[in-house]
Amino acid sequence: MCSQFSVVSGPARGRGRWESASDVLESSVDLAAELQRIYESEINVRIGWFWDCGIEVRLGDDINGFLAEEFVPSIGEVLPWLQEAIARFYPDSTYAKTLDPELRERAARRLFTPPRTGAMAICPHCGAPNASMMDELIAFVCRHCGAPVEVKPPKVQ
């Protein structure tokens, strides 16, 4: 991860270009307000980019693991992805309850990309979330209870 999210840029409201400085400010404020609401709902996200690779958006964190990730081509697609991911994985959160019912229904049907690394693994002994830093999780020691856990490979359909 080379950069943390700090700049808002891109077309305002899908018009393909900024109409005026007030559009830039309004879109920046909208995004900032939504990110603040997500933060206040205690939902962890990561947004970053490496030039020319798209913008990486992840739901979760390094300690508890990530639930989903996506590379989007523009800043304007970050918030819609986050809203659908939050509605899908945290439907009872304060933030998700404020989202449009149509968006919540769409999110329930959407398939999300699981994280390549940092996926969440739940300890069967104590229920604590653990993060996997490997592409494939074979076994882990729970960071909460210390129990060793062997992970069975998923069945291929």
N, C-alpha and C. Protein backbone atom coordinates (compact mmCIF):
# COMPACT_ATOMS: atom_id res chain seq x y z
N MET A 1 0.85 -1.16 0.00
CA MET A 1 0.00 0.00 0.00
C MET A 1 0.90 1.23 0.00
N CYS A 2 0.76 2.07 -0.99
CA CYS A 2 1.67 3.20 -1.13
C CYS A 2 1.10 4.49 -0.59
N SER A 3 -0.20 4.63 -0.56
CA SER A 3 -0.79 5.90 -0.15
C SER A 3 -2.10 5.65 0.56
N GLN A 4 -2.37 6.40 1.58
CA GLN A 4 -3.67 6.34 2.23
C GLN A 4 -4.59 7.35 1.58
N PHE A 5 -5.88 7.11 1.66
CA PHE A 5 -6.87 7.96 1.01
C PHE A 5 -6.85 9.35 1.62
N SER A 6 -6.62 10.35 0.81
CA SER A 6 -6.61 11.71 1.35
C SER A 6 -7.06 12.76 0.34
N VAL A 7 -7.23 12.38 -0.89
CA VAL A 7 -7.55 13.36 -1.93
C VAL A 7 -8.83 12.94 -2.64
N VAL A 8 -9.68 13.89 -2.90
CA VAL A 8 -10.89 13.61 -3.66
C VAL A 8 -10.73 14.25 -5.02
N SER A 9 -10.90 13.44 -6.06
CA SER A 9 -10.83 13.98 -7.40
C SER A 9 -11.69 13.14 -8.30
N GLY A 10 -12.06 13.69 -9.45
CA GLY A 10 -12.88 12.94 -10.40
C GLY A 10 -14.11 13.71 -10.79
N PRO A 11 -14.92 13.12 -11.64
CA PRO A 11 -16.10 13.82 -12.13
C PRO A 11 -17.19 13.94 -11.07
N ALA A 12 -17.83 15.07 -11.05
CA ALA A 12 -18.91 15.31 -10.10
C ALA A 12 -20.22 14.78 -10.67
N ARG A 13 -20.88 13.94 -9.88
CA ARG A 13 -22.22 13.46 -10.21
C ARG A 13 -22.32 12.86 -11.62
N GLY A 14 -21.25 12.24 -12.11
CA GLY A 14 -21.29 11.53 -13.37
C GLY A 14 -21.35 12.40 -14.61
N ARG A 15 -21.03 13.68 -14.49
CA ARG A 15 -21.10 14.57 -15.66
C ARG A 15 -19.87 14.47 -16.53
N GLY A 16 -18.84 13.73 -16.07
CA GLY A 16 -17.66 13.54 -16.90
C GLY A 16 -16.59 14.59 -16.69
N ARG A 17 -16.90 15.69 -16.02
CA ARG A 17 -15.89 16.70 -15.69
C ARG A 17 -16.46 17.58 -14.59
N TRP A 18 -15.57 18.31 -13.93
CA TRP A 18 -16.04 19.21 -12.88
C TRP A 18 -16.70 20.43 -13.53
N GLU A 19 -17.88 20.73 -13.08
CA GLU A 19 -18.58 21.90 -13.60
C GLU A 19 -18.04 23.19 -12.98
N SER A 20 -17.72 23.13 -11.70
CA SER A 20 -17.23 24.34 -11.04
C SER A 20 -16.51 23.93 -9.76
N ALA A 21 -15.86 24.91 -9.13
CA ALA A 21 -15.18 24.66 -7.87
C ALA A 21 -16.17 24.24 -6.79
N SER A 22 -17.40 24.73 -6.86
CA SER A 22 -18.39 24.36 -5.85
C SER A 22 -18.77 22.88 -5.97
N ASP A 23 -18.75 22.31 -7.20
CA ASP A 23 -19.00 20.88 -7.37
C ASP A 23 -17.91 20.06 -6.69
N VAL A 24 -16.66 20.49 -6.85
CA VAL A 24 -15.54 19.80 -6.22
C VAL A 24 -15.73 19.82 -4.71
N LEU A 25 -16.02 20.97 -4.15
CA LEU A 25 -16.19 21.11 -2.72
C LEU A 25 -17.38 20.28 -2.23
N GLU A 26 -18.50 20.33 -2.94
CA GLU A 26 -19.69 19.59 -2.53
C GLU A 26 -19.44 18.08 -2.54
N SER A 27 -18.79 17.56 -3.59
CA SER A 27 -18.49 16.14 -3.66
C SER A 27 -17.50 15.73 -2.57
N SER A 28 -16.52 16.60 -2.29
CA SER A 28 -15.54 16.32 -1.25
C SER A 28 -16.22 16.24 0.11
N VAL A 29 -17.12 17.17 0.37
CA VAL A 29 -17.84 17.20 1.63
C VAL A 29 -18.74 15.97 1.76
N ASP A 30 -19.44 15.59 0.67
CA ASP A 30 -20.29 14.40 0.69
C ASP A 30 -19.48 13.16 1.03
N LEU A 31 -18.35 12.98 0.37
CA LEU A 31 -17.51 11.81 0.62
C LEU A 31 -16.96 11.86 2.04
N ALA A 32 -16.50 13.01 2.46
CA ALA A 32 -15.97 13.15 3.82
C ALA A 32 -17.05 12.84 4.86
N ALA A 33 -18.25 13.32 4.64
CA ALA A 33 -19.35 13.08 5.59
C ALA A 33 -19.69 11.59 5.65
N GLU A 34 -19.72 10.92 4.51
CA GLU A 34 -20.04 9.49 4.49
C GLU A 34 -18.93 8.68 5.15
N LEU A 35 -17.68 9.01 4.88
CA LEU A 35 -16.58 8.30 5.53
C LEU A 35 -16.61 8.52 7.05
N GLN A 36 -16.99 9.71 7.49
CA GLN A 36 -17.11 9.99 8.92
C GLN A 36 -18.22 9.14 9.53
N ARG A 37 -19.35 9.00 8.83
CA ARG A 37 -20.47 8.19 9.33
C ARG A 37 -20.05 6.72 9.43
N ILE A 38 -19.28 6.24 8.47
CA ILE A 38 -18.79 4.86 8.51
C ILE A 38 -17.86 4.69 9.71
N TYR A 39 -16.98 5.65 9.91
CA TYR A 39 -16.06 5.63 11.05
C TYR A 39 -16.83 5.62 12.37
N GLU A 40 -17.84 6.47 12.48
CA GLU A 40 -18.63 6.55 13.71
C GLU A 40 -19.43 5.27 13.97
N SER A 41 -19.69 4.49 12.93
CA SER A 41 -20.37 3.20 13.09
C SER A 41 -19.39 2.09 13.47
N GLU A 42 -18.13 2.45 13.67
CA GLU A 42 -17.07 1.53 14.08
C GLU A 42 -16.84 0.42 13.05
N ILE A 43 -16.92 0.78 11.78
CA ILE A 43 -16.66 -0.14 10.68
C ILE A 43 -15.28 0.20 10.11
N ASN A 44 -14.43 -0.80 10.03
CA ASN A 44 -13.06 -0.59 9.55
C ASN A 44 -12.98 -0.78 8.04
N VAL A 45 -12.30 0.15 7.39
CA VAL A 45 -12.08 0.08 5.95
C VAL A 45 -10.64 0.49 5.65
N ARG A 46 -10.18 0.11 4.48
CA ARG A 46 -8.87 0.56 4.01
C ARG A 46 -9.04 0.99 2.56
N ILE A 47 -8.54 2.18 2.25
CA ILE A 47 -8.58 2.70 0.90
C ILE A 47 -7.16 3.14 0.55
N GLY A 48 -6.66 2.66 -0.55
CA GLY A 48 -5.31 3.03 -0.96
C GLY A 48 -5.14 2.84 -2.45
N TRP A 49 -4.03 3.31 -2.96
CA TRP A 49 -3.78 3.13 -4.38
C TRP A 49 -2.29 3.17 -4.67
N PHE A 50 -1.97 2.57 -5.78
CA PHE A 50 -0.65 2.66 -6.37
C PHE A 50 -0.92 3.14 -7.78
N TRP A 51 -0.28 4.21 -8.20
CA TRP A 51 -0.59 4.83 -9.47
C TRP A 51 -0.71 3.79 -10.58
N ASP A 52 -1.73 3.93 -11.37
CA ASP A 52 -1.99 3.11 -12.55
C ASP A 52 -2.45 1.69 -12.24
N CYS A 53 -2.81 1.42 -10.98
CA CYS A 53 -3.30 0.09 -10.61
C CYS A 53 -4.73 0.14 -10.09
N GLY A 54 -5.35 1.28 -10.14
CA GLY A 54 -6.69 1.41 -9.59
C GLY A 54 -6.65 1.72 -8.10
N ILE A 55 -7.81 1.82 -7.52
CA ILE A 55 -7.95 2.16 -6.11
C ILE A 55 -8.42 0.91 -5.37
N GLU A 56 -7.65 0.50 -4.38
CA GLU A 56 -7.98 -0.68 -3.59
C GLU A 56 -8.89 -0.27 -2.44
N VAL A 57 -10.03 -0.95 -2.33
CA VAL A 57 -10.97 -0.70 -1.25
C VAL A 57 -11.17 -2.03 -0.53
N ARG A 58 -10.98 -2.02 0.79
CA ARG A 58 -11.12 -3.26 1.57
C ARG A 58 -12.02 -2.99 2.77
N LEU A 59 -12.85 -3.96 3.10
CA LEU A 59 -13.71 -3.89 4.27
C LEU A 59 -13.12 -4.79 5.33
N GLY A 60 -12.68 -4.20 6.44
CA GLY A 60 -12.06 -4.94 7.53
C GLY A 60 -10.77 -4.27 7.96
N ASP A 61 -9.90 -5.04 8.63
CA ASP A 61 -8.63 -4.49 9.12
C ASP A 61 -7.60 -5.60 9.27
N ASP A 62 -6.36 -5.21 9.55
CA ASP A 62 -5.25 -6.16 9.66
C ASP A 62 -5.37 -7.09 10.86
N ILE A 63 -5.98 -6.66 11.94
CA ILE A 63 -6.08 -7.46 13.15
C ILE A 63 -7.19 -8.50 13.06
N ASN A 64 -8.38 -8.07 12.67
CA ASN A 64 -9.54 -8.96 12.64
C ASN A 64 -9.76 -9.63 11.29
N GLY A 65 -9.05 -9.16 10.29
CA GLY A 65 -9.17 -9.72 8.95
C GLY A 65 -10.08 -8.88 8.07
N PHE A 66 -10.04 -9.16 6.78
CA PHE A 66 -10.83 -8.45 5.79
C PHE A 66 -11.95 -9.36 5.29
N LEU A 67 -13.09 -8.78 5.00
CA LEU A 67 -14.24 -9.53 4.52
C LEU A 67 -14.36 -9.51 3.00
N ALA A 68 -13.96 -8.41 2.39
CA ALA A 68 -14.07 -8.25 0.94
C ALA A 68 -13.10 -7.18 0.49
N GLU A 69 -12.77 -7.23 -0.80
CA GLU A 69 -11.90 -6.20 -1.39
C GLU A 69 -12.28 -6.02 -2.85
N GLU A 70 -11.92 -4.87 -3.37
CA GLU A 70 -12.20 -4.57 -4.77
C GLU A 70 -11.21 -3.52 -5.24
N PHE A 71 -10.85 -3.58 -6.50
CA PHE A 71 -10.08 -2.52 -7.14
C PHE A 71 -11.06 -1.77 -8.03
N VAL A 72 -11.24 -0.49 -7.76
CA VAL A 72 -12.15 0.33 -8.57
C VAL A 72 -11.32 1.33 -9.36
N PRO A 73 -11.81 1.74 -10.54
CA PRO A 73 -11.00 2.61 -11.40
C PRO A 73 -11.02 4.09 -11.02
N SER A 74 -11.98 4.52 -10.16
CA SER A 74 -12.03 5.95 -9.84
C SER A 74 -12.50 6.16 -8.40
N ILE A 75 -12.16 7.32 -7.86
CA ILE A 75 -12.58 7.70 -6.51
C ILE A 75 -14.10 7.71 -6.41
N GLY A 76 -14.77 8.07 -7.50
CA GLY A 76 -16.23 8.12 -7.50
C GLY A 76 -16.89 6.77 -7.27
N GLU A 77 -16.16 5.67 -7.45
CA GLU A 77 -16.72 4.34 -7.25
C GLU A 77 -16.40 3.76 -5.87
N VAL A 78 -15.63 4.46 -5.07
CA VAL A 78 -15.26 3.98 -3.74
C VAL A 78 -16.48 3.92 -2.82
N LEU A 79 -17.19 5.02 -2.69
CA LEU A 79 -18.32 5.07 -1.76
C LEU A 79 -19.44 4.11 -2.13
N PRO A 80 -19.86 4.00 -3.40
CA PRO A 80 -20.90 3.02 -3.72
C PRO A 80 -20.49 1.58 -3.36
N TRP A 81 -19.20 1.23 -3.61
CA TRP A 81 -18.75 -0.11 -3.25
C TRP A 81 -18.80 -0.30 -1.74
N LEU A 82 -18.29 0.69 -1.00
CA LEU A 82 -18.30 0.58 0.46
C LEU A 82 -19.72 0.44 0.99
N GLN A 83 -20.66 1.22 0.46
CA GLN A 83 -22.03 1.15 0.94
C GLN A 83 -22.62 -0.24 0.72
N GLU A 84 -22.40 -0.81 -0.46
CA GLU A 84 -22.94 -2.15 -0.72
C GLU A 84 -22.25 -3.20 0.15
N ALA A 85 -20.94 -3.09 0.31
CA ALA A 85 -20.21 -4.06 1.13
C ALA A 85 -20.65 -3.98 2.59
N ILE A 86 -20.83 -2.78 3.10
CA ILE A 86 -21.28 -2.61 4.48
C ILE A 86 -22.70 -3.15 4.64
N ALA A 87 -23.57 -2.87 3.68
CA ALA A 87 -24.94 -3.38 3.74
C ALA A 87 -24.95 -4.91 3.72
N ARG A 88 -24.01 -5.52 3.00
CA ARG A 88 -23.96 -6.98 2.90
C ARG A 88 -23.36 -7.63 4.15
N PHE A 89 -22.24 -7.10 4.63
CA PHE A 89 -21.52 -7.74 5.72
C PHE A 89 -21.86 -7.20 7.11
N TYR A 90 -22.40 -5.99 7.19
CA TYR A 90 -22.79 -5.40 8.46
C TYR A 90 -24.22 -4.85 8.37
N PRO A 91 -25.20 -5.70 8.03
CA PRO A 91 -26.56 -5.21 7.79
C PRO A 91 -27.24 -4.62 9.03
N ASP A 92 -26.77 -4.99 10.22
CA ASP A 92 -27.38 -4.46 11.44
C ASP A 92 -26.65 -3.25 12.00
N SER A 93 -25.63 -2.76 11.28
CA SER A 93 -24.88 -1.60 11.76
C SER A 93 -25.72 -0.33 11.66
N THR A 94 -25.36 0.65 12.45
CA THR A 94 -26.04 1.95 12.42
C THR A 94 -25.97 2.53 11.02
N TYR A 95 -24.82 2.41 10.38
CA TYR A 95 -24.65 2.98 9.05
C TYR A 95 -25.53 2.27 8.03
N ALA A 96 -25.52 0.94 8.02
CA ALA A 96 -26.30 0.19 7.02
C ALA A 96 -27.79 0.46 7.14
N LYS A 97 -28.26 0.66 8.34
CA LYS A 97 -29.69 0.91 8.56
C LYS A 97 -30.14 2.23 7.94
N THR A 98 -29.20 3.13 7.67
CA THR A 98 -29.56 4.43 7.07
C THR A 98 -29.54 4.39 5.55
N LEU A 99 -29.06 3.30 4.98
CA LEU A 99 -28.95 3.20 3.52
C LEU A 99 -30.30 2.90 2.88
N ASP A 100 -30.42 3.26 1.63
CA ASP A 100 -31.64 3.05 0.86
C ASP A 100 -31.98 1.56 0.81
N PRO A 101 -33.25 1.20 1.02
CA PRO A 101 -33.64 -0.23 0.98
C PRO A 101 -33.27 -0.92 -0.33
N GLU A 102 -33.37 -0.22 -1.45
CA GLU A 102 -33.01 -0.81 -2.74
C GLU A 102 -31.52 -1.17 -2.77
N LEU A 103 -30.67 -0.30 -2.23
CA LEU A 103 -29.24 -0.57 -2.16
C LEU A 103 -28.98 -1.79 -1.27
N ARG A 104 -29.68 -1.90 -0.14
CA ARG A 104 -29.49 -3.04 0.76
C ARG A 104 -29.91 -4.35 0.09
N GLU A 105 -30.99 -4.31 -0.67
CA GLU A 105 -31.44 -5.51 -1.39
C GLU A 105 -30.43 -5.92 -2.46
N ARG A 106 -29.91 -4.93 -3.18
CA ARG A 106 -28.91 -5.21 -4.21
C ARG A 106 -27.64 -5.80 -3.58
N ALA A 107 -27.25 -5.27 -2.44
CA ALA A 107 -26.04 -5.74 -1.75
C ALA A 107 -26.20 -7.19 -1.28
N ALA A 108 -27.41 -7.56 -0.87
CA ALA A 108 -27.65 -8.92 -0.40
C ALA A 108 -27.48 -9.94 -1.52
N ARG A 109 -27.69 -9.52 -2.76
CA ARG A 109 -27.55 -10.42 -3.92
C ARG A 109 -26.17 -10.37 -4.57
N ARG A 110 -25.42 -9.33 -4.29
CA ARG A 110 -24.14 -9.12 -4.95
C ARG A 110 -23.09 -10.12 -4.46
N LEU A 111 -22.24 -10.55 -5.38
CA LEU A 111 -21.09 -11.38 -5.02
C LEU A 111 -19.88 -10.46 -4.82
N PHE A 112 -19.23 -10.58 -3.69
CA PHE A 112 -18.06 -9.77 -3.38
C PHE A 112 -16.81 -10.62 -3.50
N THR A 113 -15.73 -9.99 -3.91
CA THR A 113 -14.44 -10.67 -4.04
C THR A 113 -13.83 -10.85 -2.65
N PRO A 114 -13.52 -12.11 -2.29
CA PRO A 114 -12.85 -12.30 -0.99
C PRO A 114 -11.43 -11.75 -1.07
N PRO A 115 -10.88 -11.34 0.06
CA PRO A 115 -9.52 -10.78 0.04
C PRO A 115 -8.49 -11.83 -0.34
N ARG A 116 -7.46 -11.39 -1.09
CA ARG A 116 -6.36 -12.29 -1.46
C ARG A 116 -5.52 -12.64 -0.25
N THR A 117 -5.26 -11.66 0.60
CA THR A 117 -4.54 -11.89 1.86
C THR A 117 -5.28 -11.13 2.94
N GLY A 118 -5.12 -11.55 4.17
CA GLY A 118 -5.76 -10.86 5.28
C GLY A 118 -7.20 -11.26 5.50
N ALA A 119 -7.60 -12.43 4.96
CA ALA A 119 -8.98 -12.88 5.14
C ALA A 119 -9.26 -13.17 6.61
N MET A 120 -10.52 -13.02 6.99
CA MET A 120 -10.92 -13.28 8.36
C MET A 120 -11.10 -14.78 8.58
N ALA A 121 -10.55 -15.27 9.67
CA ALA A 121 -10.73 -16.66 10.09
C ALA A 121 -11.25 -16.63 11.52
N ILE A 122 -12.36 -17.32 11.78
CA ILE A 122 -12.97 -17.34 13.11
C ILE A 122 -12.49 -18.57 13.88
N CYS A 123 -12.04 -18.38 15.10
CA CYS A 123 -11.60 -19.47 15.95
C CYS A 123 -12.82 -20.30 16.37
N PRO A 124 -12.81 -21.62 16.12
CA PRO A 124 -13.94 -22.45 16.52
C PRO A 124 -14.02 -22.67 18.03
N HIS A 125 -12.94 -22.36 18.75
CA HIS A 125 -12.91 -22.57 20.19
C HIS A 125 -13.51 -21.40 20.96
N CYS A 126 -13.18 -20.17 20.55
CA CYS A 126 -13.65 -19.00 21.31
C CYS A 126 -14.45 -18.00 20.48
N GLY A 127 -14.48 -18.18 19.16
CA GLY A 127 -15.25 -17.29 18.29
C GLY A 127 -14.54 -15.99 17.92
N ALA A 128 -13.29 -15.83 18.32
CA ALA A 128 -12.56 -14.58 18.02
C ALA A 128 -12.14 -14.54 16.56
N PRO A 129 -12.22 -13.34 15.94
CA PRO A 129 -11.73 -13.21 14.57
C PRO A 129 -10.20 -13.16 14.56
N ASN A 130 -9.61 -13.74 13.54
CA ASN A 130 -8.17 -13.74 13.34
C ASN A 130 -7.91 -13.41 11.88
N ALA A 131 -6.85 -12.70 11.61
CA ALA A 131 -6.51 -12.32 10.24
C ALA A 131 -5.46 -13.27 9.69
N SER A 132 -5.64 -13.68 8.45
CA SER A 132 -4.68 -14.52 7.74
C SER A 132 -3.85 -13.62 6.84
N MET A 133 -2.55 -13.72 6.93
CA MET A 133 -1.70 -12.91 6.07
C MET A 133 -1.16 -13.71 4.89
N MET A 134 -1.70 -14.89 4.68
CA MET A 134 -1.25 -15.77 3.61
C MET A 134 -2.32 -15.87 2.53
N ASP A 135 -1.92 -16.26 1.33
CA ASP A 135 -2.87 -16.48 0.25
C ASP A 135 -3.80 -17.64 0.56
N GLU A 136 -3.26 -18.68 1.20
CA GLU A 136 -4.05 -19.85 1.55
C GLU A 136 -3.82 -20.14 3.03
N LEU A 137 -4.89 -20.22 3.80
CA LEU A 137 -4.80 -20.47 5.23
C LEU A 137 -4.90 -21.97 5.48
N ILE A 138 -3.88 -22.55 6.11
CA ILE A 138 -3.84 -23.98 6.40
C ILE A 138 -4.10 -24.21 7.89
N ALA A 139 -3.48 -23.39 8.73
CA ALA A 139 -3.63 -23.49 10.17
C ALA A 139 -3.25 -22.15 10.79
N PHE A 140 -3.72 -21.91 12.02
CA PHE A 140 -3.33 -20.70 12.74
C PHE A 140 -3.46 -20.95 14.23
N VAL A 141 -2.82 -20.09 15.01
CA VAL A 141 -2.97 -20.10 16.46
C VAL A 141 -3.81 -18.87 16.79
N CYS A 142 -4.93 -19.10 17.48
CA CYS A 142 -5.85 -18.00 17.80
C CYS A 142 -5.14 -16.94 18.63
N ARG A 143 -5.25 -15.72 18.23
CA ARG A 143 -4.61 -14.61 18.96
C ARG A 143 -5.33 -14.31 20.27
N HIS A 144 -6.55 -14.82 20.43
CA HIS A 144 -7.32 -14.55 21.65
C HIS A 144 -7.14 -15.66 22.69
N CYS A 145 -7.41 -16.92 22.31
CA CYS A 145 -7.36 -18.02 23.29
C CYS A 145 -6.10 -18.87 23.20
N GLY A 146 -5.31 -18.70 22.12
CA GLY A 146 -4.07 -19.44 21.97
C GLY A 146 -4.21 -20.86 21.45
N ALA A 147 -5.42 -21.26 21.12
CA ALA A 147 -5.66 -22.62 20.64
C ALA A 147 -5.18 -22.78 19.20
N PRO A 148 -4.55 -23.93 18.88
CA PRO A 148 -4.20 -24.19 17.48
C PRO A 148 -5.45 -24.59 16.70
N VAL A 149 -5.56 -24.11 15.47
CA VAL A 149 -6.72 -24.39 14.63
C VAL A 149 -6.23 -24.85 13.27
N GLU A 150 -6.69 -26.00 12.84
CA GLU A 150 -6.40 -26.49 11.49
C GLU A 150 -7.57 -26.12 10.60
N VAL A 151 -7.27 -25.58 9.44
CA VAL A 151 -8.31 -25.13 8.52
C VAL A 151 -8.43 -26.12 7.37
N LYS A 152 -9.63 -26.67 7.19
CA LYS A 152 -9.85 -27.61 6.08
C LYS A 152 -10.01 -26.82 4.79
N PRO A 153 -9.43 -27.32 3.71
CA PRO A 153 -9.56 -26.61 2.43
C PRO A 153 -11.03 -26.61 1.98
N PRO A 154 -11.45 -25.53 1.33
CA PRO A 154 -12.84 -25.48 0.85
C PRO A 154 -13.08 -26.52 -0.22
N LYS A 155 -14.31 -27.02 -0.27
CA LYS A 155 -14.67 -28.00 -1.29
C LYS A 155 -14.87 -27.29 -2.62
N VAL A 156 -14.26 -27.84 -3.65
CA VAL A 156 -14.40 -27.29 -5.00
C VAL A 156 -15.66 -27.90 -5.62
N GLN A 157 -16.51 -27.04 -6.17
CA GLN A 157 -17.76 -27.53 -6.74
C GLN A 157 -17.64 -27.79 -8.20
